[in-house]
Every structure is written in C-alpha cells, then in structure tokens.
Amino acid sequence: MQMQSGMQMQSGMMQYQQPPMQTGYNQYEMAHKQDLPSHDGSVFLEEQAPRPEPMETWFELGTQALFWFCFLIVVVAKPERHWLVLLASSISWLWAVSGGLDSNKWSSKFGVLTFSLGIVAGMIEMVLGETTDVTRWLCIIACLLIALKFLFVIHTDITQTIGQLTVKYGKSEFGAKVYWWTCVSSFVFWLSLMILIIMELLDENAHSLQEHIKKEAGLLH
C-alpha cells in the first residue's frame, strides 16, 4: 500500500513538472534578465531595470545630425575646399576602426578603406591650399564607394524584420531601428555629397570653357 501511494506521489510530481522554458530573447534582451531559482528548483527569468542604450546608438544619431547640418552649410556657403568630405570621412574612419560602425567584418574593412580615400583627398586639398580636378575626382570616387558600402548593408538587411536585426547585431529594438536608418541616411548623405561635387566640377569646367572662348574671341578681333 505504501509502495502504491509512493508511486502515485511520484506520478503526481511528474505531472506537475514544468517543461523547459522556451525564450525568444535576443542577446540584448538576455542582458536584462536574471536567472533565479524557483521554489521547486526550476529556473525562471526575472525582468530587471532596462539597461541604458549603448553609446554607439547615440553616436550614430549624433553623427547623422552633424553631417546633415554641415551639408546644409556647404550648400549655402559653397566653400572652396571639401572640408566636409575630410570631416565626415575622419569621424567615420575612427568609428569603423573601433569596430562600432557595423557588425559585418567585410563591410567594416571596406569602410576603413573608403573612408581613408576621403581623408587623403581632403588632406591633399589642405596641404595644397586649393581644390584641383584631381582632388575633386578623388572626393567623388570616395563618396561613391562609401555610398555603395551603405547600399550593400541596406540590400543585405532590407528583407530582415526589426526583430531579426536585433538578433543579428545584438542590439535593442530601438538600437536596431537607429542602425537601419543610419545606414539609409548615410547612403543618401554620401550620394548627395557626390552629386554636389560633380555639379561643382561641371560648373567649374563650364566657367573655364567660357573664359577660353572669350579669350579666343578677343584674339580674333
């Protein structure tokens, strides 16, 4: 009789044994959880206070605001040298070297190379003290390659949901959204900067052609 009651107790305990908990938390969300033992020895996850958003998220937002503000200054002031290419390339290069620009290793290495080209073009102009067709073309090529880098990231992630991006990059939902729109904003920024320099180059060549035609006309008279 005792053996039978013992078997019934074991059977009852087996019926009430909880199955393993299945969680869909990503790496960022798991950092907010804590494993705690329950009264029956199993482990459950307790929600803790939200962790502050990492610095890289605010850095991405801040740099985009700075770049677009400087872009408006360039459009209005039309400076002789391409200081914005040098500024944006230098900041982005430092971030790419630190590994904070994105989690794709190939893309980060490509970013370091392309940002380096923008730095070289800007530094040459600073050393020469003037803008030349060579430095303009270097800036155009650098802007094109950087824009293509961000286009590659956009093309890779465009089919991903925000939830999938949080898992892929180990970010919060807010951080994943910021990263995605930073890539979109960066693509538009570098493409717009390239178009601006091309228009500047065409305008300069048109002006030189007009001056040449006037000189030729003066010699004929």
C-alpha atoms as a PDB file:
ATOM      1  CA  MET A   1       0.000   0.000   0.000  1.00  0.00           C
ATOM      2  CA  GLN A   2       2.836   2.344   0.869  1.00  0.00           C
ATOM      3  CA  MET A   3       4.601   1.424  -2.365  1.00  0.00           C
ATOM      4  CA  GLN A   4       1.447   2.205  -4.322  1.00  0.00           C
ATOM      5  CA  SER A   5       0.968   5.593  -2.661  1.00  0.00           C
ATOM      6  CA  GLY A   6       4.643   6.419  -3.276  1.00  0.00           C
ATOM      7  CA  MET A   7       4.245   5.629  -6.960  1.00  0.00           C
ATOM      8  CA  GLN A   8       1.153   7.877  -7.073  1.00  0.00           C
ATOM      9  CA  MET A   9       3.101  10.735  -5.478  1.00  0.00           C
ATOM     10  CA  GLN A  10       5.928  10.328  -7.996  1.00  0.00           C
ATOM     11  CA  SER A  11       3.384  10.241 -10.810  1.00  0.00           C
ATOM     12  CA  GLY A  12       1.777  13.422  -9.482  1.00  0.00           C
ATOM     13  CA  MET A  13       5.153  15.173  -9.299  1.00  0.00           C
ATOM     14  CA  MET A  14       5.905  14.136 -12.871  1.00  0.00           C
ATOM     15  CA  GLN A  15       2.559  15.544 -13.990  1.00  0.00           C
ATOM     16  CA  TYR A  16       3.314  18.899 -12.348  1.00  0.00           C
ATOM     17  CA  GLN A  17       6.906  19.042 -13.581  1.00  0.00           C
ATOM     18  CA  GLN A  18       7.251  22.124 -15.740  1.00  0.00           C
ATOM     19  CA  PRO A  19       8.703  21.771 -19.215  1.00  0.00           C
ATOM     20  CA  PRO A  20      11.881  23.694 -20.079  1.00  0.00           C
ATOM     21  CA  MET A  21      11.149  27.335 -20.697  1.00  0.00           C
ATOM     22  CA  GLN A  22      11.488  28.392 -24.299  1.00  0.00           C
ATOM     23  CA  THR A  23      12.553  32.005 -24.695  1.00  0.00           C
ATOM     24  CA  GLY A  24      12.827  34.164 -27.743  1.00  0.00           C
ATOM     25  CA  TYR A  25      15.073  36.718 -26.155  1.00  0.00           C
ATOM     26  CA  ASN A  26      17.983  38.048 -28.142  1.00  0.00           C
ATOM     27  CA  GLN A  27      21.411  38.807 -26.770  1.00  0.00           C
ATOM     28  CA  TYR A  28      20.489  42.371 -25.774  1.00  0.00           C
ATOM     29  CA  GLU A  29      17.292  41.315 -24.000  1.00  0.00           C
ATOM     30  CA  MET A  30      19.013  38.485 -22.147  1.00  0.00           C
ATOM     31  CA  ALA A  31      21.310  41.089 -20.579  1.00  0.00           C
ATOM     32  CA  HIS A  32      18.216  42.499 -18.838  1.00  0.00           C
ATOM     33  CA  LYS A  33      17.240  39.142 -17.325  1.00  0.00           C
ATOM     34  CA  GLN A  34      18.477  37.294 -14.261  1.00  0.00           C
ATOM     35  CA  ASP A  35      18.300  33.554 -13.640  1.00  0.00           C
ATOM     36  CA  LEU A  36      16.596  32.917 -10.297  1.00  0.00           C
ATOM     37  CA  PRO A  37      15.688  29.549  -8.711  1.00  0.00           C
ATOM     38  CA  SER A  38      12.005  28.943  -8.015  1.00  0.00           C
ATOM     39  CA  HIS A  39      10.530  27.031  -5.049  1.00  0.00           C
ATOM     40  CA  ASP A  40      10.558  23.747  -6.995  1.00  0.00           C
ATOM     41  CA  GLY A  41      14.175  24.059  -8.112  1.00  0.00           C
ATOM     42  CA  SER A  42      13.473  25.191 -11.666  1.00  0.00           C
ATOM     43  CA  VAL A  43      14.897  28.406 -13.071  1.00  0.00           C
ATOM     44  CA  PHE A  44      12.916  31.360 -14.285  1.00  0.00           C
ATOM     45  CA  LEU A  45      13.884  34.735 -15.734  1.00  0.00           C
ATOM     46  CA  GLU A  46      13.151  37.895 -13.818  1.00  0.00           C
ATOM     47  CA  GLU A  47      12.896  41.237 -15.579  1.00  0.00           C
ATOM     48  CA  GLN A  48      15.425  43.754 -14.314  1.00  0.00           C
ATOM     49  CA  ALA A  49      15.668  47.503 -14.806  1.00  0.00           C
ATOM     50  CA  PRO A  50      16.235  48.374 -18.511  1.00  0.00           C
ATOM     51  CA  ARG A  51      19.877  48.819 -19.405  1.00  0.00           C
ATOM     52  CA  PRO A  52      20.808  52.236 -20.802  1.00  0.00           C
ATOM     53  CA  GLU A  53      21.152  52.369 -24.558  1.00  0.00           C
ATOM     54  CA  PRO A  54      24.824  51.868 -25.562  1.00  0.00           C
ATOM     55  CA  MET A  55      26.888  54.866 -26.630  1.00  0.00           C
ATOM     56  CA  GLU A  56      27.116  53.692 -30.239  1.00  0.00           C
ATOM     57  CA  THR A  57      23.370  54.257 -30.729  1.00  0.00           C
ATOM     58  CA  TRP A  58      23.608  57.900 -29.652  1.00  0.00           C
ATOM     59  CA  PHE A  59      26.835  58.295 -31.613  1.00  0.00           C
ATOM     60  CA  GLU A  60      25.071  57.168 -34.789  1.00  0.00           C
ATOM     61  CA  LEU A  61      22.250  59.650 -34.188  1.00  0.00           C
ATOM     62  CA  GLY A  62      24.656  62.459 -33.320  1.00  0.00           C
ATOM     63  CA  THR A  63      26.919  61.989 -36.330  1.00  0.00           C
ATOM     64  CA  GLN A  64      23.992  61.946 -38.736  1.00  0.00           C
ATOM     65  CA  ALA A  65      22.655  65.189 -37.275  1.00  0.00           C
ATOM     66  CA  LEU A  66      26.139  66.745 -37.514  1.00  0.00           C
ATOM     67  CA  PHE A  67      26.750  65.571 -41.096  1.00  0.00           C
ATOM     68  CA  TRP A  68      23.432  66.853 -42.411  1.00  0.00           C
ATOM     69  CA  PHE A  69      23.843  70.178 -40.594  1.00  0.00           C
ATOM     70  CA  CYS A  70      27.283  70.605 -42.196  1.00  0.00           C
ATOM     71  CA  PHE A  71      25.839  69.579 -45.558  1.00  0.00           C
ATOM     72  CA  LEU A  72      23.348  72.460 -45.369  1.00  0.00           C
ATOM     73  CA  ILE A  73      26.237  74.827 -44.567  1.00  0.00           C
ATOM     74  CA  VAL A  74      28.135  73.579 -47.620  1.00  0.00           C
ATOM     75  CA  VAL A  75      25.096  74.033 -49.879  1.00  0.00           C
ATOM     76  CA  VAL A  76      24.602  77.614 -48.694  1.00  0.00           C
ATOM     77  CA  ALA A  77      28.215  78.772 -48.248  1.00  0.00           C
ATOM     78  CA  LYS A  78      29.789  76.826 -51.165  1.00  0.00           C
ATOM     79  CA  PRO A  79      33.326  76.658 -49.684  1.00  0.00           C
ATOM     80  CA  GLU A  80      36.352  76.341 -51.959  1.00  0.00           C
ATOM     81  CA  ARG A  81      37.696  73.201 -50.314  1.00  0.00           C
ATOM     82  CA  HIS A  82      35.879  69.963 -49.478  1.00  0.00           C
ATOM     83  CA  TRP A  83      36.278  70.104 -45.711  1.00  0.00           C
ATOM     84  CA  LEU A  84      33.057  68.146 -45.199  1.00  0.00           C
ATOM     85  CA  VAL A  85      34.499  65.131 -47.030  1.00  0.00           C
ATOM     86  CA  LEU A  86      37.521  65.277 -44.720  1.00  0.00           C
ATOM     87  CA  LEU A  87      35.427  65.765 -41.572  1.00  0.00           C
ATOM     88  CA  ALA A  88      32.845  63.065 -42.290  1.00  0.00           C
ATOM     89  CA  SER A  89      35.476  60.600 -43.532  1.00  0.00           C
ATOM     90  CA  SER A  90      37.687  61.134 -40.471  1.00  0.00           C
ATOM     91  CA  ILE A  91      34.869  60.627 -37.944  1.00  0.00           C
ATOM     92  CA  SER A  92      33.520  57.593 -39.842  1.00  0.00           C
ATOM     93  CA  TRP A  93      37.029  56.144 -40.214  1.00  0.00           C
ATOM     94  CA  LEU A  94      37.669  56.344 -36.467  1.00  0.00           C
ATOM     95  CA  TRP A  95      34.331  54.653 -35.781  1.00  0.00           C
ATOM     96  CA  ALA A  96      34.976  51.951 -38.394  1.00  0.00           C
ATOM     97  CA  VAL A  97      38.425  51.219 -36.948  1.00  0.00           C
ATOM     98  CA  SER A  98      36.932  50.866 -33.465  1.00  0.00           C
ATOM     99  CA  GLY A  99      34.530  48.265 -34.916  1.00  0.00           C
ATOM    100  CA  GLY A 100      31.473  50.248 -33.977  1.00  0.00           C
ATOM    101  CA  LEU A 101      30.214  51.115 -37.439  1.00  0.00           C
ATOM    102  CA  ASP A 102      28.583  47.737 -38.027  1.00  0.00           C
ATOM    103  CA  SER A 103      28.900  44.084 -37.174  1.00  0.00           C
ATOM    104  CA  ASN A 104      29.767  42.946 -40.695  1.00  0.00           C
ATOM    105  CA  LYS A 105      33.550  42.417 -40.733  1.00  0.00           C
ATOM    106  CA  TRP A 106      33.889  42.634 -44.513  1.00  0.00           C
ATOM    107  CA  SER A 107      31.832  45.811 -44.595  1.00  0.00           C
ATOM    108  CA  SER A 108      33.875  47.363 -41.769  1.00  0.00           C
ATOM    109  CA  LYS A 109      37.162  46.670 -43.562  1.00  0.00           C
ATOM    110  CA  PHE A 110      35.763  48.084 -46.801  1.00  0.00           C
ATOM    111  CA  GLY A 111      34.557  51.126 -44.853  1.00  0.00           C
ATOM    112  CA  VAL A 112      38.048  51.739 -43.451  1.00  0.00           C
ATOM    113  CA  LEU A 113      39.486  51.747 -47.000  1.00  0.00           C
ATOM    114  CA  THR A 114      36.836  54.016 -48.498  1.00  0.00           C
ATOM    115  CA  PHE A 115      36.898  56.479 -45.604  1.00  0.00           C
ATOM    116  CA  SER A 116      40.705  56.559 -45.929  1.00  0.00           C
ATOM    117  CA  LEU A 117      40.347  57.701 -49.539  1.00  0.00           C
ATOM    118  CA  GLY A 118      38.133  60.595 -48.427  1.00  0.00           C
ATOM    119  CA  ILE A 119      40.694  61.560 -45.777  1.00  0.00           C
ATOM    120  CA  VAL A 120      43.532  61.510 -48.333  1.00  0.00           C
ATOM    121  CA  ALA A 121      41.578  63.696 -50.773  1.00  0.00           C
ATOM    122  CA  GLY A 122      40.717  66.205 -48.057  1.00  0.00           C
ATOM    123  CA  MET A 123      44.265  66.294 -46.684  1.00  0.00           C
ATOM    124  CA  ILE A 124      45.741  66.915 -50.151  1.00  0.00           C
ATOM    125  CA  GLU A 125      43.479  69.949 -50.548  1.00  0.00           C
ATOM    126  CA  MET A 126      44.517  71.250 -47.137  1.00  0.00           C
ATOM    127  CA  VAL A 127      48.209  70.843 -47.965  1.00  0.00           C
ATOM    128  CA  LEU A 128      47.903  72.428 -51.424  1.00  0.00           C
ATOM    129  CA  GLY A 129      45.638  75.163 -50.122  1.00  0.00           C
ATOM    130  CA  GLU A 130      43.386  74.810 -53.153  1.00  0.00           C
ATOM    131  CA  THR A 131      40.957  72.497 -54.912  1.00  0.00           C
ATOM    132  CA  THR A 132      42.062  70.765 -58.102  1.00  0.00           C
ATOM    133  CA  ASP A 133      40.309  68.495 -60.589  1.00  0.00           C
ATOM    134  CA  VAL A 134      42.340  65.584 -59.192  1.00  0.00           C
ATOM    135  CA  THR A 135      41.173  66.171 -55.605  1.00  0.00           C
ATOM    136  CA  ARG A 136      37.603  66.652 -56.818  1.00  0.00           C
ATOM    137  CA  TRP A 137      37.681  63.305 -58.595  1.00  0.00           C
ATOM    138  CA  LEU A 138      39.198  61.666 -55.517  1.00  0.00           C
ATOM    139  CA  CYS A 139      36.345  63.063 -53.425  1.00  0.00           C
ATOM    140  CA  ILE A 140      33.785  61.884 -55.987  1.00  0.00           C
ATOM    141  CA  ILE A 141      35.217  58.355 -56.047  1.00  0.00           C
ATOM    142  CA  ALA A 142      35.407  58.243 -52.238  1.00  0.00           C
ATOM    143  CA  CYS A 143      31.791  59.388 -51.870  1.00  0.00           C
ATOM    144  CA  LEU A 144      30.651  56.836 -54.457  1.00  0.00           C
ATOM    145  CA  LEU A 145      32.437  53.929 -52.763  1.00  0.00           C
ATOM    146  CA  ILE A 146      31.165  54.927 -49.313  1.00  0.00           C
ATOM    147  CA  ALA A 147      27.605  55.221 -50.646  1.00  0.00           C
ATOM    148  CA  LEU A 148      27.939  51.758 -52.219  1.00  0.00           C
ATOM    149  CA  LYS A 149      29.135  50.376 -48.892  1.00  0.00           C
ATOM    150  CA  PHE A 150      25.966  51.527 -47.160  1.00  0.00           C
ATOM    151  CA  LEU A 151      23.859  50.383 -50.109  1.00  0.00           C
ATOM    152  CA  PHE A 152      25.328  46.904 -49.652  1.00  0.00           C
ATOM    153  CA  VAL A 153      24.281  46.880 -45.977  1.00  0.00           C
ATOM    154  CA  ILE A 154      20.794  48.128 -46.896  1.00  0.00           C
ATOM    155  CA  HIS A 155      20.450  45.496 -49.623  1.00  0.00           C
ATOM    156  CA  THR A 156      21.534  42.767 -47.186  1.00  0.00           C
ATOM    157  CA  ASP A 157      19.165  43.782 -44.385  1.00  0.00           C
ATOM    158  CA  ILE A 158      16.163  45.141 -46.293  1.00  0.00           C
ATOM    159  CA  THR A 159      14.274  41.833 -46.044  1.00  0.00           C
ATOM    160  CA  GLN A 160      15.008  41.476 -42.323  1.00  0.00           C
ATOM    161  CA  THR A 161      12.474  42.421 -39.673  1.00  0.00           C
ATOM    162  CA  ILE A 162      13.433  44.603 -36.723  1.00  0.00           C
ATOM    163  CA  GLY A 163      13.314  41.517 -34.525  1.00  0.00           C
ATOM    164  CA  GLN A 164      15.766  39.707 -36.779  1.00  0.00           C
ATOM    165  CA  LEU A 165      18.079  42.729 -36.838  1.00  0.00           C
ATOM    166  CA  THR A 166      18.161  42.861 -33.041  1.00  0.00           C
ATOM    167  CA  VAL A 167      19.382  39.258 -33.011  1.00  0.00           C
ATOM    168  CA  LYS A 168      21.810  39.766 -35.923  1.00  0.00           C
ATOM    169  CA  TYR A 169      23.514  42.847 -34.461  1.00  0.00           C
ATOM    170  CA  GLY A 170      22.912  42.208 -30.765  1.00  0.00           C
ATOM    171  CA  LYS A 171      21.032  45.494 -30.333  1.00  0.00           C
ATOM    172  CA  SER A 172      17.822  46.568 -28.683  1.00  0.00           C
ATOM    173  CA  GLU A 173      14.788  47.209 -30.850  1.00  0.00           C
ATOM    174  CA  PHE A 174      15.468  50.942 -30.668  1.00  0.00           C
ATOM    175  CA  GLY A 175      19.167  50.405 -31.443  1.00  0.00           C
ATOM    176  CA  ALA A 176      18.329  48.218 -34.456  1.00  0.00           C
ATOM    177  CA  LYS A 177      15.982  50.878 -35.835  1.00  0.00           C
ATOM    178  CA  VAL A 178      18.605  53.583 -35.338  1.00  0.00           C
ATOM    179  CA  TYR A 179      21.245  51.443 -37.057  1.00  0.00           C
ATOM    180  CA  TRP A 180      18.974  50.722 -40.029  1.00  0.00           C
ATOM    181  CA  TRP A 181      18.006  54.357 -40.573  1.00  0.00           C
ATOM    182  CA  THR A 182      21.617  55.440 -40.032  1.00  0.00           C
ATOM    183  CA  CYS A 183      22.616  53.262 -42.989  1.00  0.00           C
ATOM    184  CA  VAL A 184      19.801  54.721 -45.116  1.00  0.00           C
ATOM    185  CA  SER A 185      20.668  58.287 -44.071  1.00  0.00           C
ATOM    186  CA  SER A 186      24.382  57.698 -44.697  1.00  0.00           C
ATOM    187  CA  PHE A 187      23.712  56.331 -48.182  1.00  0.00           C
ATOM    188  CA  VAL A 188      21.638  59.406 -49.089  1.00  0.00           C
ATOM    189  CA  PHE A 189      24.204  61.742 -47.486  1.00  0.00           C
ATOM    190  CA  TRP A 190      27.252  60.429 -49.360  1.00  0.00           C
ATOM    191  CA  LEU A 191      25.321  60.168 -52.629  1.00  0.00           C
ATOM    192  CA  SER A 192      24.113  63.772 -52.236  1.00  0.00           C
ATOM    193  CA  LEU A 193      27.629  64.952 -51.414  1.00  0.00           C
ATOM    194  CA  MET A 194      28.973  63.195 -54.515  1.00  0.00           C
ATOM    195  CA  ILE A 195      26.315  64.844 -56.719  1.00  0.00           C
ATOM    196  CA  LEU A 196      27.143  68.229 -55.185  1.00  0.00           C
ATOM    197  CA  ILE A 197      30.847  67.840 -56.032  1.00  0.00           C
ATOM    198  CA  ILE A 198      30.025  66.655 -59.576  1.00  0.00           C
ATOM    199  CA  MET A 199      27.849  69.740 -60.112  1.00  0.00           C
ATOM    200  CA  GLU A 200      30.686  71.870 -58.775  1.00  0.00           C
ATOM    201  CA  LEU A 201      33.141  70.202 -61.173  1.00  0.00           C
ATOM    202  CA  LEU A 202      30.829  70.683 -64.167  1.00  0.00           C
ATOM    203  CA  ASP A 203      30.234  74.320 -63.230  1.00  0.00           C
ATOM    204  CA  GLU A 204      33.970  74.941 -62.898  1.00  0.00           C
ATOM    205  CA  ASN A 205      34.697  73.326 -66.267  1.00  0.00           C
ATOM    206  CA  ALA A 206      31.879  75.286 -67.913  1.00  0.00           C
ATOM    207  CA  HIS A 207      33.264  78.527 -66.477  1.00  0.00           C
ATOM    208  CA  SER A 208      36.781  77.683 -67.716  1.00  0.00           C
ATOM    209  CA  LEU A 209      35.389  76.877 -71.155  1.00  0.00           C
ATOM    210  CA  GLN A 210      33.588  80.207 -71.301  1.00  0.00           C
ATOM    211  CA  GLU A 211      36.755  82.050 -70.315  1.00  0.00           C
ATOM    212  CA  HIS A 212      38.692  80.197 -73.004  1.00  0.00           C
ATOM    213  CA  ILE A 213      36.092  81.059 -75.649  1.00  0.00           C
ATOM    214  CA  LYS A 214      36.197  84.741 -74.652  1.00  0.00           C
ATOM    215  CA  LYS A 215      39.987  84.798 -74.922  1.00  0.00           C
ATOM    216  CA  GLU A 216      39.861  83.157 -78.334  1.00  0.00           C
ATOM    217  CA  ALA A 217      37.203  85.638 -79.472  1.00  0.00           C
ATOM    218  CA  GLY A 218      39.328  88.544 -78.219  1.00  0.00           C
ATOM    219  CA  LEU A 219      42.368  87.325 -80.120  1.00  0.00           C
ATOM    220  CA  LEU A 220      40.353  87.061 -83.327  1.00  0.00           C
ATOM    221  CA  HIS A 221      39.261  90.676 -83.001  1.00  0.00           C
END
